[in-house]
């Protein structure tokens, strides 16, 4: 609190991950002593716009994203990773 009874909103309080030294891009996460990483792969879809006069137009648009876990030199979907890690 400041002198006038107002809260001091400018005080920078580090987030728990920052306090623990986590959250930096250079830090490597480990699972059972081996590096593990999350990979997000964006996909695209082809949209065809019909044209009554002339050729139809096709364009690429962003679609959903596929998420993978990189572990032990392999790329897994979440369910596949769980089956591998916790048989």
PDB file of N, CA and C in Angstrom:
ATOM      1  N   UNK A   1       0.830  -1.171   0.000  1.00  0.00           N
ATOM      2  CA  UNK A   1       0.000   0.000   0.000  1.00  0.00           C
ATOM      3  C   UNK A   1       0.878   1.239   0.000  1.00  0.00           C
ATOM      4  N   UNK A   2       0.420   2.217  -0.691  1.00  0.00           N
ATOM      5  CA  UNK A   2       1.162   3.472  -0.731  1.00  0.00           C
ATOM      6  C   UNK A   2       0.723   4.357   0.424  1.00  0.00           C
ATOM      7  N   UNK A   3       1.292   5.527   0.481  1.00  0.00           N
ATOM      8  CA  UNK A   3       1.026   6.452   1.582  1.00  0.00           C
ATOM      9  C   UNK A   3      -0.431   6.931   1.612  1.00  0.00           C
ATOM     10  N   UNK A   4      -1.102   6.990   0.452  1.00  0.00           N
ATOM     11  CA  UNK A   4      -2.468   7.506   0.421  1.00  0.00           C
ATOM     12  C   UNK A   4      -3.526   6.403   0.560  1.00  0.00           C
ATOM     13  N   UNK A   5      -3.127   5.181   0.905  1.00  0.00           N
ATOM     14  CA  UNK A   5      -4.069   4.095   1.116  1.00  0.00           C
ATOM     15  C   UNK A   5      -4.436   3.338  -0.141  1.00  0.00           C
ATOM     16  N   UNK A   6      -3.887   3.728  -1.284  1.00  0.00           N
ATOM     17  CA  UNK A   6      -4.151   3.043  -2.547  1.00  0.00           C
ATOM     18  C   UNK A   6      -3.162   1.889  -2.718  1.00  0.00           C
ATOM     19  N   UNK A   7      -3.614   0.863  -3.390  1.00  0.00           N
ATOM     20  CA  UNK A   7      -2.718  -0.251  -3.696  1.00  0.00           C
ATOM     21  C   UNK A   7      -1.720   0.181  -4.746  1.00  0.00           C
ATOM     22  N   UNK A   8      -0.495  -0.286  -4.593  1.00  0.00           N
ATOM     23  CA  UNK A   8       0.553   0.023  -5.562  1.00  0.00           C
ATOM     24  C   UNK A   8       0.540  -1.062  -6.640  1.00  0.00           C
ATOM     25  N   UNK A   9      -0.123  -0.797  -7.762  1.00  0.00           N
ATOM     26  CA  UNK A   9      -0.264  -1.783  -8.827  1.00  0.00           C
ATOM     27  C   UNK A   9       0.968  -1.869  -9.718  1.00  0.00           C
ATOM     28  N   UNK A  10       1.919  -0.986  -9.529  1.00  0.00           N
ATOM     29  CA  UNK A  10       3.104  -0.992 -10.370  1.00  0.00           C
ATOM     30  C   UNK A  10       4.191  -1.908  -9.828  1.00  0.00           C
ATOM     31  N   UNK A  11       4.015  -2.419  -8.623  1.00  0.00           N
ATOM     32  CA  UNK A  11       5.029  -3.304  -8.048  1.00  0.00           C
ATOM     33  C   UNK A  11       5.039  -4.607  -8.832  1.00  0.00           C
ATOM     34  N   UNK A  12       6.187  -4.967  -9.327  1.00  0.00           N
ATOM     35  CA  UNK A  12       6.307  -6.183 -10.126  1.00  0.00           C
ATOM     36  C   UNK A  12       6.518  -7.396  -9.244  1.00  0.00           C
ATOM     37  N   UNK A  13       5.535  -8.273  -9.229  1.00  0.00           N
ATOM     38  CA  UNK A  13       5.646  -9.513  -8.472  1.00  0.00           C
ATOM     39  C   UNK A  13       5.894 -10.623  -9.473  1.00  0.00           C
ATOM     40  N   UNK A  14       6.999 -11.350  -9.338  1.00  0.00           N
ATOM     41  CA  UNK A  14       7.276 -12.407 -10.302  1.00  0.00           C
ATOM     42  C   UNK A  14       6.268 -13.543 -10.175  1.00  0.00           C
ATOM     43  N   UNK A  15       5.940 -14.146 -11.306  1.00  0.00           N
ATOM     44  CA  UNK A  15       5.058 -15.293 -11.312  1.00  0.00           C
ATOM     45  C   UNK A  15       5.799 -16.497 -10.732  1.00  0.00           C
ATOM     46  N   UNK A  16       5.081 -17.500 -10.240  1.00  0.00           N
ATOM     47  CA  UNK A  16       5.746 -18.656  -9.636  1.00  0.00           C
ATOM     48  C   UNK A  16       6.755 -19.332 -10.563  1.00  0.00           C
ATOM     49  N   UNK A  17       6.449 -19.429 -11.853  1.00  0.00           N
ATOM     50  CA  UNK A  17       7.388 -20.078 -12.766  1.00  0.00           C
ATOM     51  C   UNK A  17       8.649 -19.240 -12.951  1.00  0.00           C
ATOM     52  N   UNK A  18       8.498 -17.920 -12.951  1.00  0.00           N
ATOM     53  CA  UNK A  18       9.667 -17.054 -13.079  1.00  0.00           C
ATOM     54  C   UNK A  18      10.527 -17.151 -11.824  1.00  0.00           C
ATOM     55  N   UNK A  19       9.887 -17.238 -10.666  1.00  0.00           N
ATOM     56  CA  UNK A  19      10.614 -17.327  -9.411  1.00  0.00           C
ATOM     57  C   UNK A  19      11.430 -18.612  -9.348  1.00  0.00           C
ATOM     58  N   UNK A  20      10.886 -19.679  -9.895  1.00  0.00           N
ATOM     59  CA  UNK A  20      11.575 -20.966  -9.853  1.00  0.00           C
ATOM     60  C   UNK A  20      12.622 -21.078 -10.951  1.00  0.00           C
ATOM     61  N   UNK A  21      12.728 -20.059 -11.799  1.00  0.00           N
ATOM     62  CA  UNK A  21      13.703 -20.107 -12.877  1.00  0.00           C
ATOM     63  C   UNK A  21      13.196 -20.846 -14.093  1.00  0.00           C
ATOM     64  N   UNK A  22      11.899 -21.089 -14.135  1.00  0.00           N
ATOM     65  CA  UNK A  22      11.316 -21.800 -15.265  1.00  0.00           C
ATOM     66  C   UNK A  22      10.684 -20.818 -16.217  1.00  0.00           C
ATOM     67  N   UNK A  23      10.230 -21.340 -17.345  1.00  0.00           N
ATOM     68  CA  UNK A  23       9.519 -20.510 -18.283  1.00  0.00           C
ATOM     69  C   UNK A  23      10.419 -19.856 -19.323  1.00  0.00           C
ATOM     70  N   UNK A  24      11.694 -20.131 -19.271  1.00  0.00           N
ATOM     71  CA  UNK A  24      12.588 -19.581 -20.281  1.00  0.00           C
ATOM     72  C   UNK A  24      12.696 -20.568 -21.430  1.00  0.00           C
ATOM     73  N   UNK A  25      12.887 -20.046 -22.613  1.00  0.00           N
ATOM     74  CA  UNK A  25      12.966 -20.897 -23.798  1.00  0.00           C
ATOM     75  C   UNK A  25      14.201 -21.782 -23.768  1.00  0.00           C
ATOM     76  N   UNK A  26      15.247 -21.346 -23.100  1.00  0.00           N
ATOM     77  CA  UNK A  26      16.490 -22.105 -23.089  1.00  0.00           C
ATOM     78  C   UNK A  26      16.433 -23.297 -22.139  1.00  0.00           C
ATOM     79  N   UNK A  27      15.499 -23.289 -21.205  1.00  0.00           N
ATOM     80  CA  UNK A  27      15.428 -24.382 -20.237  1.00  0.00           C
ATOM     81  C   UNK A  27      14.819 -25.615 -20.882  1.00  0.00           C
ATOM     82  N   UNK A  28      15.349 -26.773 -20.515  1.00  0.00           N
ATOM     83  CA  UNK A  28      14.896 -28.020 -21.093  1.00  0.00           C
ATOM     84  C   UNK A  28      14.118 -28.808 -20.050  1.00  0.00           C
ATOM     85  N   UNK A  29      12.941 -29.302 -20.414  1.00  0.00           N
ATOM     86  CA  UNK A  29      12.138 -30.116 -19.519  1.00  0.00           C
ATOM     87  C   UNK A  29      12.601 -31.561 -19.627  1.00  0.00           C
ATOM     88  N   UNK A  30      12.559 -32.267 -18.501  1.00  0.00           N
ATOM     89  CA  UNK A  30      12.983 -33.663 -18.475  1.00  0.00           C
ATOM     90  C   UNK A  30      11.843 -34.533 -17.967  1.00  0.00           C
ATOM     91  N   UNK A  31      11.766 -35.744 -18.515  1.00  0.00           N
ATOM     92  CA  UNK A  31      10.836 -36.761 -18.050  1.00  0.00           C
ATOM     93  C   UNK A  31      11.620 -38.044 -17.933  1.00  0.00           C
ATOM     94  N   UNK A  32      11.711 -38.569 -16.734  1.00  0.00           N
ATOM     95  CA  UNK A  32      12.505 -39.768 -16.464  1.00  0.00           C
ATOM     96  C   UNK A  32      13.946 -39.599 -16.928  1.00  0.00           C
ATOM     97  N   UNK A  33      14.475 -38.398 -16.759  1.00  0.00           N
ATOM     98  CA  UNK A  33      15.870 -38.113 -17.069  1.00  0.00           C
ATOM     99  C   UNK A  33      16.174 -37.836 -18.533  1.00  0.00           C
ATOM    100  N   UNK A  34      15.171 -37.888 -19.400  1.00  0.00           N
ATOM    101  CA  UNK A  34      15.376 -37.607 -20.824  1.00  0.00           C
ATOM    102  C   UNK A  34      14.607 -36.349 -21.214  1.00  0.00           C
ATOM    103  N   UNK A  35      15.115 -35.607 -22.210  1.00  0.00           N
ATOM    104  CA  UNK A  35      14.420 -34.389 -22.634  1.00  0.00           C
ATOM    105  C   UNK A  35      13.048 -34.701 -23.230  1.00  0.00           C
ATOM    106  N   UNK A  36      12.106 -33.818 -22.941  1.00  0.00           N
ATOM    107  CA  UNK A  36      10.755 -33.944 -23.486  1.00  0.00           C
ATOM    108  C   UNK A  36      10.315 -32.558 -23.940  1.00  0.00           C
ATOM    109  N   UNK A  37       9.580 -32.499 -25.032  1.00  0.00           N
ATOM    110  CA  UNK A  37       9.147 -31.204 -25.570  1.00  0.00           C
ATOM    111  C   UNK A  37       7.759 -31.346 -26.175  1.00  0.00           C
ATOM    112  N   UNK A  38       7.057 -30.222 -26.257  1.00  0.00           N
ATOM    113  CA  UNK A  38       5.728 -30.144 -26.858  1.00  0.00           C
ATOM    114  C   UNK A  38       5.884 -29.524 -28.233  1.00  0.00           C
ATOM    115  N   UNK A  39       5.308 -30.136 -29.248  1.00  0.00           N
ATOM    116  CA  UNK A  39       5.410 -29.652 -30.616  1.00  0.00           C
ATOM    117  C   UNK A  39       4.008 -29.370 -31.139  1.00  0.00           C
ATOM    118  N   UNK A  40       3.795 -28.165 -31.640  1.00  0.00           N
ATOM    119  CA  UNK A  40       2.521 -27.784 -32.247  1.00  0.00           C
ATOM    120  C   UNK A  40       2.747 -27.595 -33.741  1.00  0.00           C
ATOM    121  N   UNK A  41       2.010 -28.367 -34.532  1.00  0.00           N
ATOM    122  CA  UNK A  41       2.155 -28.312 -35.986  1.00  0.00           C
ATOM    123  C   UNK A  41       0.857 -27.773 -36.594  1.00  0.00           C
ATOM    124  N   UNK A  42       0.908 -26.563 -37.157  1.00  0.00           N
ATOM    125  CA  UNK A  42      -0.307 -26.038 -37.793  1.00  0.00           C
ATOM    126  C   UNK A  42      -0.578 -26.765 -39.109  1.00  0.00           C
ATOM    127  N   UNK A  43      -1.837 -26.946 -39.401  1.00  0.00           N
ATOM    128  CA  UNK A  43      -2.229 -27.565 -40.669  1.00  0.00           C
ATOM    129  C   UNK A  43      -2.989 -26.542 -41.498  1.00  0.00           C
ATOM    130  N   UNK A  44      -3.125 -26.834 -42.771  1.00  0.00           N
ATOM    131  CA  UNK A  44      -3.891 -25.963 -43.666  1.00  0.00           C
ATOM    132  C   UNK A  44      -4.964 -26.782 -44.365  1.00  0.00           C
ATOM    133  N   UNK A  45      -5.972 -26.098 -44.830  1.00  0.00           N
ATOM    134  CA  UNK A  45      -7.004 -26.767 -45.618  1.00  0.00           C
ATOM    135  C   UNK A  45      -7.169 -26.005 -46.917  1.00  0.00           C
ATOM    136  N   UNK A  46      -7.511 -26.724 -47.947  1.00  0.00           N
ATOM    137  CA  UNK A  46      -7.728 -26.120 -49.261  1.00  0.00           C
ATOM    138  C   UNK A  46      -9.210 -25.812 -49.401  1.00  0.00           C
ATOM    139  N   UNK A  47      -9.510 -24.570 -49.690  1.00  0.00           N
ATOM    140  CA  UNK A  47     -10.892 -24.132 -49.875  1.00  0.00           C
ATOM    141  C   UNK A  47     -11.070 -23.775 -51.342  1.00  0.00           C
ATOM    142  N   UNK A  48     -12.050 -24.414 -51.972  1.00  0.00           N
ATOM    143  CA  UNK A  48     -12.328 -24.164 -53.385  1.00  0.00           C
ATOM    144  C   UNK A  48     -13.556 -23.277 -53.484  1.00  0.00           C
ATOM    145  N   UNK A  49     -13.391 -22.136 -54.134  1.00  0.00           N
ATOM    146  CA  UNK A  49     -14.491 -21.206 -54.358  1.00  0.00           C
ATOM    147  C   UNK A  49     -14.968 -21.385 -55.793  1.00  0.00           C
ATOM    148  N   UNK A  50     -16.205 -21.832 -55.911  1.00  0.00           N
ATOM    149  CA  UNK A  50     -16.771 -22.058 -57.245  1.00  0.00           C
ATOM    150  C   UNK A  50     -17.010 -20.717 -57.931  1.00  0.00           C
ATOM    151  N   UNK A  51     -16.703 -20.681 -59.201  1.00  0.00           N
ATOM    152  CA  UNK A  51     -16.887 -19.473 -59.985  1.00  0.00           C
ATOM    153  C   UNK A  51     -17.784 -19.829 -61.163  1.00  0.00           C
ATOM    154  N   UNK A  52     -18.909 -19.137 -61.284  1.00  0.00           N
ATOM    155  CA  UNK A  52     -19.853 -19.428 -62.359  1.00  0.00           C
ATOM    156  C   UNK A  52     -19.285 -19.051 -63.725  1.00  0.00           C
ATOM    157  N   UNK A  53     -18.373 -18.081 -63.739  1.00  0.00           N
ATOM    158  CA  UNK A  53     -17.769 -17.641 -64.992  1.00  0.00           C
ATOM    159  C   UNK A  53     -16.279 -17.938 -64.909  1.00  0.00           C
ATOM    160  N   UNK A  54     -15.838 -18.985 -65.562  1.00  0.00           N
ATOM    161  CA  UNK A  54     -14.411 -19.283 -65.553  1.00  0.00           C
ATOM    162  C   UNK A  54     -14.050 -20.371 -64.542  1.00  0.00           C
ATOM    163  N   UNK A  55     -12.763 -20.424 -64.248  1.00  0.00           N
ATOM    164  CA  UNK A  55     -12.242 -21.473 -63.371  1.00  0.00           C
ATOM    165  C   UNK A  55     -12.555 -21.190 -61.904  1.00  0.00           C
ATOM    166  N   UNK A  56     -12.637 -22.264 -61.139  1.00  0.00           N
ATOM    167  CA  UNK A  56     -12.807 -22.139 -59.699  1.00  0.00           C
ATOM    168  C   UNK A  56     -11.474 -21.718 -59.082  1.00  0.00           C
ATOM    169  N   UNK A  57     -11.539 -21.097 -57.923  1.00  0.00           N
ATOM    170  CA  UNK A  57     -10.329 -20.658 -57.249  1.00  0.00           C
ATOM    171  C   UNK A  57     -10.098 -21.520 -56.013  1.00  0.00           C
ATOM    172  N   UNK A  58      -8.868 -21.953 -55.834  1.00  0.00           N
ATOM    173  CA  UNK A  58      -8.495 -22.731 -54.650  1.00  0.00           C
ATOM    174  C   UNK A  58      -7.526 -21.900 -53.818  1.00  0.00           C
ATOM    175  N   UNK A  59      -7.746 -21.889 -52.524  1.00  0.00           N
ATOM    176  CA  UNK A  59      -6.837 -21.152 -51.643  1.00  0.00           C
ATOM    177  C   UNK A  59      -6.549 -21.984 -50.395  1.00  0.00           C
ATOM    178  N   UNK A  60      -5.373 -21.768 -49.814  1.00  0.00           N
ATOM    179  CA  UNK A  60      -4.965 -22.456 -48.590  1.00  0.00           C
ATOM    180  C   UNK A  60      -5.313 -21.562 -47.413  1.00  0.00           C
ATOM    181  N   UNK A  61      -5.950 -22.151 -46.403  1.00  0.00           N
ATOM    182  CA  UNK A  61      -6.300 -21.402 -45.202  1.00  0.00           C
ATOM    183  C   UNK A  61      -5.824 -22.170 -43.973  1.00  0.00           C
ATOM    184  N   UNK A  62      -5.510 -21.444 -42.909  1.00  0.00           N
ATOM    185  CA  UNK A  62      -5.112 -22.147 -41.686  1.00  0.00           C
ATOM    186  C   UNK A  62      -6.263 -23.001 -41.163  1.00  0.00           C
ATOM    187  N   UNK A  63      -5.912 -24.151 -40.652  1.00  0.00           N
ATOM    188  CA  UNK A  63      -6.914 -25.045 -40.071  1.00  0.00           C
ATOM    189  C   UNK A  63      -6.521 -25.318 -38.620  1.00  0.00           C
ATOM    190  N   UNK A  64      -6.851 -26.460 -38.128  1.00  0.00           N
ATOM    191  CA  UNK A  64      -6.535 -26.802 -36.741  1.00  0.00           C
ATOM    192  C   UNK A  64      -5.044 -27.047 -36.554  1.00  0.00           C
ATOM    193  N   UNK A  65      -4.650 -27.267 -35.336  1.00  0.00           N
ATOM    194  CA  UNK A  65      -3.250 -27.538 -35.018  1.00  0.00           C
ATOM    195  C   UNK A  65      -3.142 -28.941 -34.451  1.00  0.00           C
ATOM    196  N   UNK A  66      -2.095 -29.652 -34.839  1.00  0.00           N
ATOM    197  CA  UNK A  66      -1.812 -30.967 -34.291  1.00  0.00           C
ATOM    198  C   UNK A  66      -0.752 -30.812 -33.213  1.00  0.00           C
ATOM    199  N   UNK A  67      -0.978 -31.445 -32.068  1.00  0.00           N
ATOM    200  CA  UNK A  67      -0.045 -31.368 -30.952  1.00  0.00           C
ATOM    201  C   UNK A  67       0.636 -32.716 -30.760  1.00  0.00           C
ATOM    202  N   UNK A  68       1.952 -32.676 -30.601  1.00  0.00           N
ATOM    203  CA  UNK A  68       2.742 -33.881 -30.418  1.00  0.00           C
ATOM    204  C   UNK A  68       3.681 -33.720 -29.235  1.00  0.00           C
ATOM    205  N   UNK A  69       4.109 -34.840 -28.692  1.00  0.00           N
ATOM    206  CA  UNK A  69       5.109 -34.871 -27.633  1.00  0.00           C
ATOM    207  C   UNK A  69       6.362 -35.494 -28.229  1.00  0.00           C
ATOM    208  N   UNK A  70       7.484 -34.780 -28.100  1.00  0.00           N
ATOM    209  CA  UNK A  70       8.764 -35.291 -28.571  1.00  0.00           C
ATOM    210  C   UNK A  70       9.506 -35.869 -27.373  1.00  0.00           C
ATOM    211  N   UNK A  71       9.774 -37.169 -27.418  1.00  0.00           N
ATOM    212  CA  UNK A  71      10.434 -37.827 -26.297  1.00  0.00           C
ATOM    213  C   UNK A  71      11.219 -39.028 -26.804  1.00  0.00           C
ATOM    214  N   UNK A  72      12.445 -39.149 -26.375  1.00  0.00           N
ATOM    215  CA  UNK A  72      13.272 -40.300 -26.729  1.00  0.00           C
ATOM    216  C   UNK A  72      13.506 -40.450 -28.220  1.00  0.00           C
ATOM    217  N   UNK A  73      13.557 -39.351 -28.947  1.00  0.00           N
ATOM    218  CA  UNK A  73      13.788 -39.405 -30.384  1.00  0.00           C
ATOM    219  C   UNK A  73      12.552 -39.753 -31.196  1.00  0.00           C
ATOM    220  N   UNK A  74      11.396 -39.858 -30.545  1.00  0.00           N
ATOM    221  CA  UNK A  74      10.150 -40.189 -31.233  1.00  0.00           C
ATOM    222  C   UNK A  74       9.123 -39.085 -31.049  1.00  0.00           C
ATOM    223  N   UNK A  75       8.165 -39.058 -31.956  1.00  0.00           N
ATOM    224  CA  UNK A  75       7.071 -38.089 -31.922  1.00  0.00           C
ATOM    225  C   UNK A  75       5.793 -38.853 -31.622  1.00  0.00           C
ATOM    226  N   UNK A  76       5.096 -38.479 -30.538  1.00  0.00           N
ATOM    227  CA  UNK A  76       3.899 -39.184 -30.099  1.00  0.00           C
ATOM    228  C   UNK A  76       2.707 -38.240 -30.036  1.00  0.00           C
ATOM    229  N   UNK A  77       1.517 -38.786 -30.318  1.00  0.00           N
ATOM    230  CA  UNK A  77       0.295 -38.101 -29.936  1.00  0.00           C
ATOM    231  C   UNK A  77       0.127 -38.345 -28.444  1.00  0.00           C
ATOM    232  N   UNK A  78      -0.683 -37.539 -27.778  1.00  0.00           N
ATOM    233  CA  UNK A  78      -0.796 -37.616 -26.332  1.00  0.00           C
ATOM    234  C   UNK A  78      -1.163 -39.023 -25.847  1.00  0.00           C
ATOM    235  N   UNK A  79      -2.172 -39.636 -26.454  1.00  0.00           N
ATOM    236  CA  UNK A  79      -2.615 -40.953 -26.027  1.00  0.00           C
ATOM    237  C   UNK A  79      -1.522 -41.995 -26.247  1.00  0.00           C
ATOM    238  N   UNK A  80      -0.808 -41.896 -27.379  1.00  0.00           N
ATOM    239  CA  UNK A  80       0.288 -42.831 -27.665  1.00  0.00           C
ATOM    240  C   UNK A  80       1.400 -42.684 -26.632  1.00  0.00           C
ATOM    241  N   UNK A  81       1.687 -41.455 -26.222  1.00  0.00           N
ATOM    242  CA  UNK A  81       2.719 -41.231 -25.219  1.00  0.00           C
ATOM    243  C   UNK A  81       2.326 -41.854 -23.888  1.00  0.00           C
ATOM    244  N   UNK A  82       1.071 -41.655 -23.489  1.00  0.00           N
ATOM    245  CA  UNK A  82       0.610 -42.256 -22.230  1.00  0.00           C
ATOM    246  C   UNK A  82       0.725 -43.773 -22.262  1.00  0.00           C
ATOM    247  N   UNK A  83       0.355 -44.388 -23.384  1.00  0.00           N
ATOM    248  CA  UNK A  83       0.443 -45.842 -23.498  1.00  0.00           C
ATOM    249  C   UNK A  83       1.900 -46.310 -23.431  1.00  0.00           C
ATOM    250  N   UNK A  84       2.806 -45.551 -24.032  1.00  0.00           N
ATOM    251  CA  UNK A  84       4.221 -45.908 -24.004  1.00  0.00           C
ATOM    252  C   UNK A  84       4.802 -45.713 -22.606  1.00  0.00           C
ATOM    253  N   UNK A  85       4.507 -44.583 -21.979  1.00  0.00           N
ATOM    254  CA  UNK A  85       5.118 -44.240 -20.693  1.00  0.00           C
ATOM    255  C   UNK A  85       4.489 -44.964 -19.515  1.00  0.00           C
ATOM    256  N   UNK A  86       3.213 -45.244 -19.592  1.00  0.00           N
ATOM    257  CA  UNK A  86       2.495 -45.865 -18.479  1.00  0.00           C
ATOM    258  C   UNK A  86       1.728 -47.096 -18.971  1.00  0.00           C
ATOM    259  N   UNK A  87       2.464 -48.185 -19.282  1.00  0.00           N
ATOM    260  CA  UNK A  87       1.790 -49.378 -19.847  1.00  0.00           C
ATOM    261  C   UNK A  87       0.810 -50.047 -18.890  1.00  0.00           C
TER     262      UNK A  87
END
